[in-house]
Amino acid sequence: MSIYEGRTGRMNYDDVHDVPTASNAAVPSPSSDSSAGSRAWLQHRKTKPIDRLLPISGRWLDRLPPDVCPRELARQYARIVNLIALQWNDSEACCAYVDELLVDRRGARQGFPAEVKRELLRLRDHWYTRERTLEP
């Protein structure tokens, strides 16, 4: 016996959700202003990233050696520091995330400012050396 047996109305399986059509879909209008296009894209994000340091990130920064601590990264990109701090002890996730930040795999990315990139490189080097010399 099928759960669809004896149903009235539409009989196809896509009737659970209305499928948007060109007449009722909320499609942002194209604009020649690139910043307007960026704002339209942001409206489609599920949640806004936290753009301030979390307490766990502050504690992680305090434990780093002063010459490695990414101060400029934390100032300009707090959300990235939050993600690094949360993944710091996960060898696969942390390496993969920092590598994604440093290597442009999607093409045509603007990239980080020079000081932020230097901090990311120092942080990555410290991560690899701390495996053998510092706490796990």
N, C-alpha and C. Protein backbone atom coordinates (compact mmCIF):
# COMPACT_ATOMS: atom_id res chain seq x y z
N MET A 1 0.84 -1.18 0.00
CA MET A 1 0.00 0.00 0.00
C MET A 1 0.88 1.24 0.00
N SER A 2 0.57 2.19 -0.81
CA SER A 2 1.34 3.42 -0.92
C SER A 2 0.75 4.50 -0.02
N ILE A 3 1.62 5.38 0.48
CA ILE A 3 1.13 6.49 1.30
C ILE A 3 0.41 7.51 0.45
N TYR A 4 0.61 7.43 -0.87
CA TYR A 4 -0.03 8.37 -1.77
C TYR A 4 -1.38 7.88 -2.27
N GLU A 5 -1.73 6.67 -1.92
CA GLU A 5 -2.98 6.09 -2.39
C GLU A 5 -4.17 6.85 -1.80
N GLY A 6 -5.13 7.17 -2.62
CA GLY A 6 -6.34 7.82 -2.15
C GLY A 6 -6.20 9.32 -1.93
N ARG A 7 -5.10 9.91 -2.37
CA ARG A 7 -4.91 11.35 -2.22
C ARG A 7 -5.75 12.10 -3.23
N THR A 8 -6.18 13.24 -2.84
CA THR A 8 -6.90 14.08 -3.79
C THR A 8 -6.00 15.24 -4.18
N GLY A 9 -6.31 15.88 -5.26
CA GLY A 9 -5.50 17.01 -5.71
C GLY A 9 -4.39 16.53 -6.61
N ARG A 10 -3.25 17.24 -6.56
CA ARG A 10 -2.12 16.89 -7.41
C ARG A 10 -1.59 15.52 -7.06
N MET A 11 -1.25 14.75 -8.06
CA MET A 11 -0.84 13.37 -7.82
C MET A 11 0.66 13.14 -8.05
N ASN A 12 1.43 14.16 -8.37
CA ASN A 12 2.86 13.90 -8.55
C ASN A 12 3.60 14.13 -7.22
N TYR A 13 4.82 13.70 -7.17
CA TYR A 13 5.57 13.70 -5.91
C TYR A 13 6.17 15.05 -5.55
N ASP A 14 6.18 16.00 -6.45
CA ASP A 14 6.79 17.29 -6.12
C ASP A 14 5.80 18.28 -5.52
N ASP A 15 4.66 17.80 -5.06
CA ASP A 15 3.66 18.72 -4.51
C ASP A 15 3.86 18.99 -3.03
N VAL A 16 4.93 18.47 -2.44
CA VAL A 16 5.19 18.72 -1.03
C VAL A 16 5.55 20.18 -0.82
N HIS A 17 6.32 20.73 -1.72
CA HIS A 17 6.73 22.14 -1.65
C HIS A 17 6.37 22.80 -2.97
N ASP A 18 5.97 24.04 -2.89
CA ASP A 18 5.73 24.77 -4.12
C ASP A 18 7.05 25.01 -4.81
N VAL A 19 7.08 24.75 -6.08
CA VAL A 19 8.27 25.01 -6.87
C VAL A 19 8.17 26.44 -7.38
N PRO A 20 9.18 27.29 -7.06
CA PRO A 20 9.10 28.67 -7.51
C PRO A 20 9.13 28.76 -9.03
N THR A 21 8.33 29.63 -9.55
CA THR A 21 8.34 29.89 -10.98
C THR A 21 8.82 31.31 -11.19
N ALA A 22 9.05 31.66 -12.44
CA ALA A 22 9.56 32.99 -12.74
C ALA A 22 8.61 34.07 -12.24
N SER A 23 7.33 33.78 -12.17
CA SER A 23 6.37 34.80 -11.77
C SER A 23 6.33 35.01 -10.26
N ASN A 24 6.64 33.96 -9.44
CA ASN A 24 6.54 34.15 -8.01
C ASN A 24 7.87 34.04 -7.27
N ALA A 25 8.95 33.80 -7.96
CA ALA A 25 10.26 33.68 -7.30
C ALA A 25 10.80 35.06 -6.96
N ALA A 26 11.44 35.15 -5.81
CA ALA A 26 12.06 36.40 -5.38
C ALA A 26 13.48 36.44 -5.91
N VAL A 27 13.62 36.91 -7.13
CA VAL A 27 14.92 36.97 -7.77
C VAL A 27 15.41 38.41 -7.69
N PRO A 28 16.63 38.60 -7.14
CA PRO A 28 17.13 39.96 -7.08
C PRO A 28 17.35 40.51 -8.48
N SER A 29 17.02 41.76 -8.66
CA SER A 29 17.19 42.36 -9.98
C SER A 29 18.66 42.63 -10.23
N PRO A 30 19.12 42.37 -11.45
CA PRO A 30 20.53 42.61 -11.76
C PRO A 30 20.83 44.09 -11.66
N SER A 31 22.04 44.38 -11.24
CA SER A 31 22.44 45.77 -11.06
C SER A 31 23.83 45.95 -11.62
N SER A 32 24.10 47.12 -12.14
CA SER A 32 25.44 47.38 -12.65
C SER A 32 26.39 47.66 -11.50
N ASP A 33 25.89 47.98 -10.33
CA ASP A 33 26.71 48.25 -9.16
C ASP A 33 27.13 46.93 -8.53
N SER A 34 28.45 46.65 -8.50
CA SER A 34 28.91 45.38 -7.95
C SER A 34 28.65 45.27 -6.46
N SER A 35 28.65 46.38 -5.73
CA SER A 35 28.39 46.31 -4.29
C SER A 35 26.93 45.95 -4.03
N ALA A 36 26.04 46.35 -4.91
CA ALA A 36 24.63 45.97 -4.76
C ALA A 36 24.49 44.47 -4.96
N GLY A 37 25.26 43.90 -5.89
CA GLY A 37 25.24 42.46 -6.10
C GLY A 37 25.76 41.72 -4.88
N SER A 38 26.78 42.28 -4.23
CA SER A 38 27.32 41.67 -3.01
C SER A 38 26.29 41.70 -1.91
N ARG A 39 25.59 42.81 -1.77
CA ARG A 39 24.58 42.92 -0.72
C ARG A 39 23.44 41.93 -0.98
N ALA A 40 23.06 41.75 -2.24
CA ALA A 40 21.99 40.80 -2.55
C ALA A 40 22.42 39.39 -2.19
N TRP A 41 23.70 39.06 -2.43
CA TRP A 41 24.18 37.74 -2.08
C TRP A 41 24.17 37.53 -0.57
N LEU A 42 24.53 38.56 0.19
CA LEU A 42 24.56 38.44 1.64
C LEU A 42 23.19 38.16 2.22
N GLN A 43 22.14 38.64 1.56
CA GLN A 43 20.79 38.40 2.04
C GLN A 43 20.43 36.92 1.95
N HIS A 44 21.10 36.17 1.10
CA HIS A 44 20.79 34.76 0.91
C HIS A 44 21.58 33.86 1.85
N ARG A 45 22.53 34.42 2.60
CA ARG A 45 23.28 33.62 3.56
C ARG A 45 22.37 33.17 4.68
N LYS A 46 22.64 31.99 5.21
CA LYS A 46 21.81 31.48 6.30
C LYS A 46 22.01 32.31 7.57
N THR A 47 23.26 32.52 7.95
CA THR A 47 23.55 33.33 9.13
C THR A 47 24.74 34.22 8.84
N LYS A 48 24.80 35.31 9.54
CA LYS A 48 25.94 36.21 9.39
C LYS A 48 27.09 35.68 10.25
N PRO A 49 28.30 35.58 9.69
CA PRO A 49 29.42 35.09 10.48
C PRO A 49 29.70 36.03 11.66
N ILE A 50 30.15 35.47 12.77
CA ILE A 50 30.50 36.28 13.93
C ILE A 50 31.76 37.04 13.60
N ASP A 51 31.69 38.35 13.66
CA ASP A 51 32.82 39.19 13.27
C ASP A 51 33.52 39.79 14.49
N ARG A 52 33.57 39.03 15.56
CA ARG A 52 34.31 39.43 16.76
C ARG A 52 34.93 38.17 17.33
N LEU A 53 36.00 38.36 18.10
CA LEU A 53 36.68 37.20 18.66
C LEU A 53 35.83 36.54 19.73
N LEU A 54 35.78 35.23 19.69
CA LEU A 54 35.11 34.46 20.71
C LEU A 54 36.07 34.28 21.90
N PRO A 55 35.56 34.02 23.09
CA PRO A 55 36.45 33.82 24.25
C PRO A 55 37.49 32.72 24.03
N ILE A 56 37.09 31.63 23.37
CA ILE A 56 38.06 30.55 23.12
C ILE A 56 39.19 31.04 22.21
N SER A 57 38.89 31.94 21.30
CA SER A 57 39.91 32.48 20.40
C SER A 57 40.86 33.38 21.17
N GLY A 58 40.33 34.18 22.08
CA GLY A 58 41.18 35.04 22.90
C GLY A 58 42.14 34.23 23.75
N ARG A 59 41.65 33.14 24.34
CA ARG A 59 42.52 32.27 25.15
C ARG A 59 43.57 31.60 24.28
N TRP A 60 43.19 31.19 23.07
CA TRP A 60 44.13 30.57 22.14
C TRP A 60 45.22 31.58 21.74
N LEU A 61 44.83 32.80 21.44
CA LEU A 61 45.81 33.83 21.09
C LEU A 61 46.77 34.09 22.23
N ASP A 62 46.27 34.10 23.47
CA ASP A 62 47.12 34.34 24.64
C ASP A 62 48.16 33.24 24.83
N ARG A 63 47.86 32.02 24.40
CA ARG A 63 48.78 30.90 24.57
C ARG A 63 49.84 30.84 23.48
N LEU A 64 49.65 31.56 22.39
CA LEU A 64 50.64 31.55 21.31
C LEU A 64 51.86 32.39 21.68
N PRO A 65 53.03 32.01 21.17
CA PRO A 65 54.22 32.86 21.38
C PRO A 65 53.99 34.24 20.75
N PRO A 66 54.52 35.28 21.34
CA PRO A 66 54.28 36.64 20.83
C PRO A 66 54.70 36.84 19.37
N ASP A 67 55.76 36.17 18.93
CA ASP A 67 56.20 36.34 17.54
C ASP A 67 55.33 35.59 16.54
N VAL A 68 54.43 34.74 17.03
CA VAL A 68 53.55 33.96 16.16
C VAL A 68 52.12 34.48 16.19
N CYS A 69 51.75 35.15 17.26
CA CYS A 69 50.37 35.59 17.47
C CYS A 69 49.89 36.46 16.30
N PRO A 70 48.82 36.04 15.62
CA PRO A 70 48.33 36.78 14.44
C PRO A 70 47.44 37.97 14.83
N ARG A 71 48.04 39.04 15.29
CA ARG A 71 47.28 40.20 15.76
C ARG A 71 46.51 40.90 14.64
N GLU A 72 47.15 41.08 13.51
CA GLU A 72 46.49 41.76 12.39
C GLU A 72 45.37 40.89 11.82
N LEU A 73 45.59 39.60 11.75
CA LEU A 73 44.53 38.68 11.31
C LEU A 73 43.34 38.78 12.24
N ALA A 74 43.59 38.81 13.54
CA ALA A 74 42.51 38.91 14.53
C ALA A 74 41.78 40.25 14.41
N ARG A 75 42.51 41.29 14.09
CA ARG A 75 41.88 42.61 13.97
C ARG A 75 41.01 42.71 12.73
N GLN A 76 41.50 42.19 11.62
CA GLN A 76 40.77 42.34 10.35
C GLN A 76 39.81 41.19 10.05
N TYR A 77 40.15 40.00 10.52
CA TYR A 77 39.37 38.81 10.16
C TYR A 77 39.13 37.95 11.40
N ALA A 78 38.38 38.46 12.34
CA ALA A 78 38.12 37.74 13.59
C ALA A 78 37.46 36.38 13.33
N ARG A 79 36.59 36.30 12.34
CA ARG A 79 35.89 35.04 12.06
C ARG A 79 36.87 33.95 11.65
N ILE A 80 37.94 34.31 10.97
CA ILE A 80 38.95 33.33 10.56
C ILE A 80 39.73 32.85 11.78
N VAL A 81 40.09 33.78 12.67
CA VAL A 81 40.80 33.40 13.90
C VAL A 81 39.92 32.46 14.72
N ASN A 82 38.63 32.74 14.78
CA ASN A 82 37.71 31.85 15.51
C ASN A 82 37.77 30.43 14.96
N LEU A 83 37.74 30.30 13.65
CA LEU A 83 37.76 28.97 13.04
C LEU A 83 39.10 28.26 13.24
N ILE A 84 40.20 29.00 13.15
CA ILE A 84 41.51 28.39 13.38
C ILE A 84 41.62 27.93 14.82
N ALA A 85 41.20 28.77 15.76
CA ALA A 85 41.28 28.42 17.18
C ALA A 85 40.46 27.16 17.48
N LEU A 86 39.30 27.05 16.89
CA LEU A 86 38.45 25.89 17.13
C LEU A 86 39.02 24.60 16.54
N GLN A 87 39.84 24.74 15.48
CA GLN A 87 40.39 23.57 14.80
C GLN A 87 41.85 23.31 15.14
N TRP A 88 42.44 24.11 16.00
CA TRP A 88 43.88 24.09 16.25
C TRP A 88 44.41 22.70 16.59
N ASN A 89 43.71 21.93 17.37
CA ASN A 89 44.19 20.60 17.77
C ASN A 89 43.72 19.47 16.86
N ASP A 90 43.03 19.80 15.80
CA ASP A 90 42.59 18.80 14.82
C ASP A 90 43.56 18.87 13.63
N SER A 91 44.48 17.91 13.58
CA SER A 91 45.57 18.00 12.60
C SER A 91 45.09 18.10 11.16
N GLU A 92 44.11 17.33 10.78
CA GLU A 92 43.63 17.37 9.39
C GLU A 92 42.85 18.65 9.09
N ALA A 93 41.95 19.00 9.98
CA ALA A 93 41.09 20.16 9.73
C ALA A 93 41.87 21.46 9.74
N CYS A 94 42.76 21.63 10.69
CA CYS A 94 43.51 22.89 10.80
C CYS A 94 44.43 23.07 9.59
N CYS A 95 45.16 22.04 9.24
CA CYS A 95 46.05 22.13 8.08
C CYS A 95 45.27 22.44 6.81
N ALA A 96 44.18 21.75 6.62
CA ALA A 96 43.37 21.96 5.42
C ALA A 96 42.82 23.37 5.37
N TYR A 97 42.36 23.90 6.51
CA TYR A 97 41.77 25.23 6.52
C TYR A 97 42.82 26.30 6.25
N VAL A 98 43.98 26.21 6.90
CA VAL A 98 45.03 27.21 6.68
C VAL A 98 45.52 27.14 5.24
N ASP A 99 45.66 25.93 4.70
CA ASP A 99 46.07 25.81 3.30
C ASP A 99 45.04 26.43 2.37
N GLU A 100 43.76 26.24 2.66
CA GLU A 100 42.72 26.87 1.84
C GLU A 100 42.81 28.39 1.89
N LEU A 101 43.20 28.91 3.03
CA LEU A 101 43.34 30.36 3.15
C LEU A 101 44.52 30.88 2.34
N LEU A 102 45.58 30.09 2.26
CA LEU A 102 46.81 30.54 1.60
C LEU A 102 46.86 30.25 0.11
N VAL A 103 46.11 29.26 -0.35
CA VAL A 103 46.16 28.87 -1.75
C VAL A 103 44.82 29.19 -2.41
N ASP A 104 44.88 29.90 -3.52
CA ASP A 104 43.67 30.26 -4.25
C ASP A 104 43.29 29.13 -5.20
N ARG A 105 42.38 28.28 -4.78
CA ARG A 105 41.94 27.16 -5.61
C ARG A 105 40.75 27.53 -6.50
N ARG A 106 40.06 28.61 -6.16
CA ARG A 106 38.88 29.00 -6.93
C ARG A 106 39.21 30.01 -8.03
N GLY A 107 40.35 30.64 -7.95
CA GLY A 107 40.77 31.59 -8.97
C GLY A 107 40.20 32.97 -8.76
N ALA A 108 40.97 33.97 -9.09
CA ALA A 108 40.55 35.37 -9.10
C ALA A 108 40.16 35.90 -7.72
N ARG A 109 40.71 35.32 -6.66
CA ARG A 109 40.47 35.89 -5.33
C ARG A 109 41.40 37.07 -5.12
N GLN A 110 40.95 38.00 -4.32
CA GLN A 110 41.74 39.19 -4.05
C GLN A 110 42.97 38.87 -3.20
N GLY A 111 42.84 37.99 -2.25
CA GLY A 111 43.94 37.63 -1.38
C GLY A 111 43.96 38.51 -0.14
N PHE A 112 44.82 38.15 0.80
CA PHE A 112 44.94 38.89 2.05
C PHE A 112 45.97 40.00 1.91
N PRO A 113 45.88 41.00 2.77
CA PRO A 113 46.96 42.00 2.84
C PRO A 113 48.28 41.30 3.20
N ALA A 114 49.39 41.91 2.84
CA ALA A 114 50.71 41.28 3.01
C ALA A 114 50.97 40.88 4.46
N GLU A 115 50.67 41.74 5.42
CA GLU A 115 50.94 41.41 6.83
C GLU A 115 50.10 40.22 7.29
N VAL A 116 48.86 40.15 6.88
CA VAL A 116 47.99 39.03 7.26
C VAL A 116 48.52 37.74 6.66
N LYS A 117 48.97 37.79 5.43
CA LYS A 117 49.52 36.59 4.79
C LYS A 117 50.78 36.13 5.52
N ARG A 118 51.65 37.08 5.90
CA ARG A 118 52.86 36.71 6.66
C ARG A 118 52.48 36.05 7.99
N GLU A 119 51.47 36.60 8.66
CA GLU A 119 51.03 36.01 9.92
C GLU A 119 50.49 34.59 9.73
N LEU A 120 49.73 34.37 8.66
CA LEU A 120 49.22 33.03 8.38
C LEU A 120 50.36 32.04 8.11
N LEU A 121 51.37 32.49 7.39
CA LEU A 121 52.53 31.64 7.11
C LEU A 121 53.29 31.30 8.39
N ARG A 122 53.51 32.32 9.26
CA ARG A 122 54.17 32.07 10.54
C ARG A 122 53.35 31.11 11.40
N LEU A 123 52.04 31.31 11.39
CA LEU A 123 51.15 30.46 12.18
C LEU A 123 51.20 29.01 11.68
N ARG A 124 51.20 28.85 10.37
CA ARG A 124 51.27 27.50 9.80
C ARG A 124 52.60 26.84 10.15
N ASP A 125 53.70 27.60 10.03
CA ASP A 125 55.01 27.04 10.38
C ASP A 125 55.06 26.66 11.86
N HIS A 126 54.51 27.50 12.71
CA HIS A 126 54.46 27.20 14.15
C HIS A 126 53.62 25.96 14.41
N TRP A 127 52.52 25.82 13.70
CA TRP A 127 51.66 24.66 13.90
C TRP A 127 52.42 23.38 13.62
N TYR A 128 53.19 23.35 12.53
CA TYR A 128 53.94 22.14 12.18
C TYR A 128 55.06 21.87 13.19
N THR A 129 55.75 22.89 13.67
CA THR A 129 56.84 22.67 14.61
C THR A 129 56.34 22.40 16.02
N ARG A 130 55.21 22.94 16.40
CA ARG A 130 54.69 22.74 17.76
C ARG A 130 54.23 21.31 17.99
N GLU A 131 53.98 20.59 16.92
CA GLU A 131 53.58 19.18 17.04
C GLU A 131 54.66 18.39 17.77
N ARG A 132 55.91 18.77 17.52
CA ARG A 132 57.02 18.03 18.11
C ARG A 132 57.56 18.68 19.39
N THR A 133 57.36 20.02 19.53
CA THR A 133 58.01 20.70 20.64
C THR A 133 57.09 21.21 21.72
N LEU A 134 55.84 21.49 21.41
CA LEU A 134 54.94 22.05 22.39
C LEU A 134 53.82 21.08 22.74
N GLU A 135 52.94 21.54 23.62
CA GLU A 135 51.84 20.70 24.07
C GLU A 135 50.97 20.26 22.90
N PRO A 136 50.33 19.10 23.03
CA PRO A 136 49.50 18.58 21.93
C PRO A 136 48.24 19.40 21.73
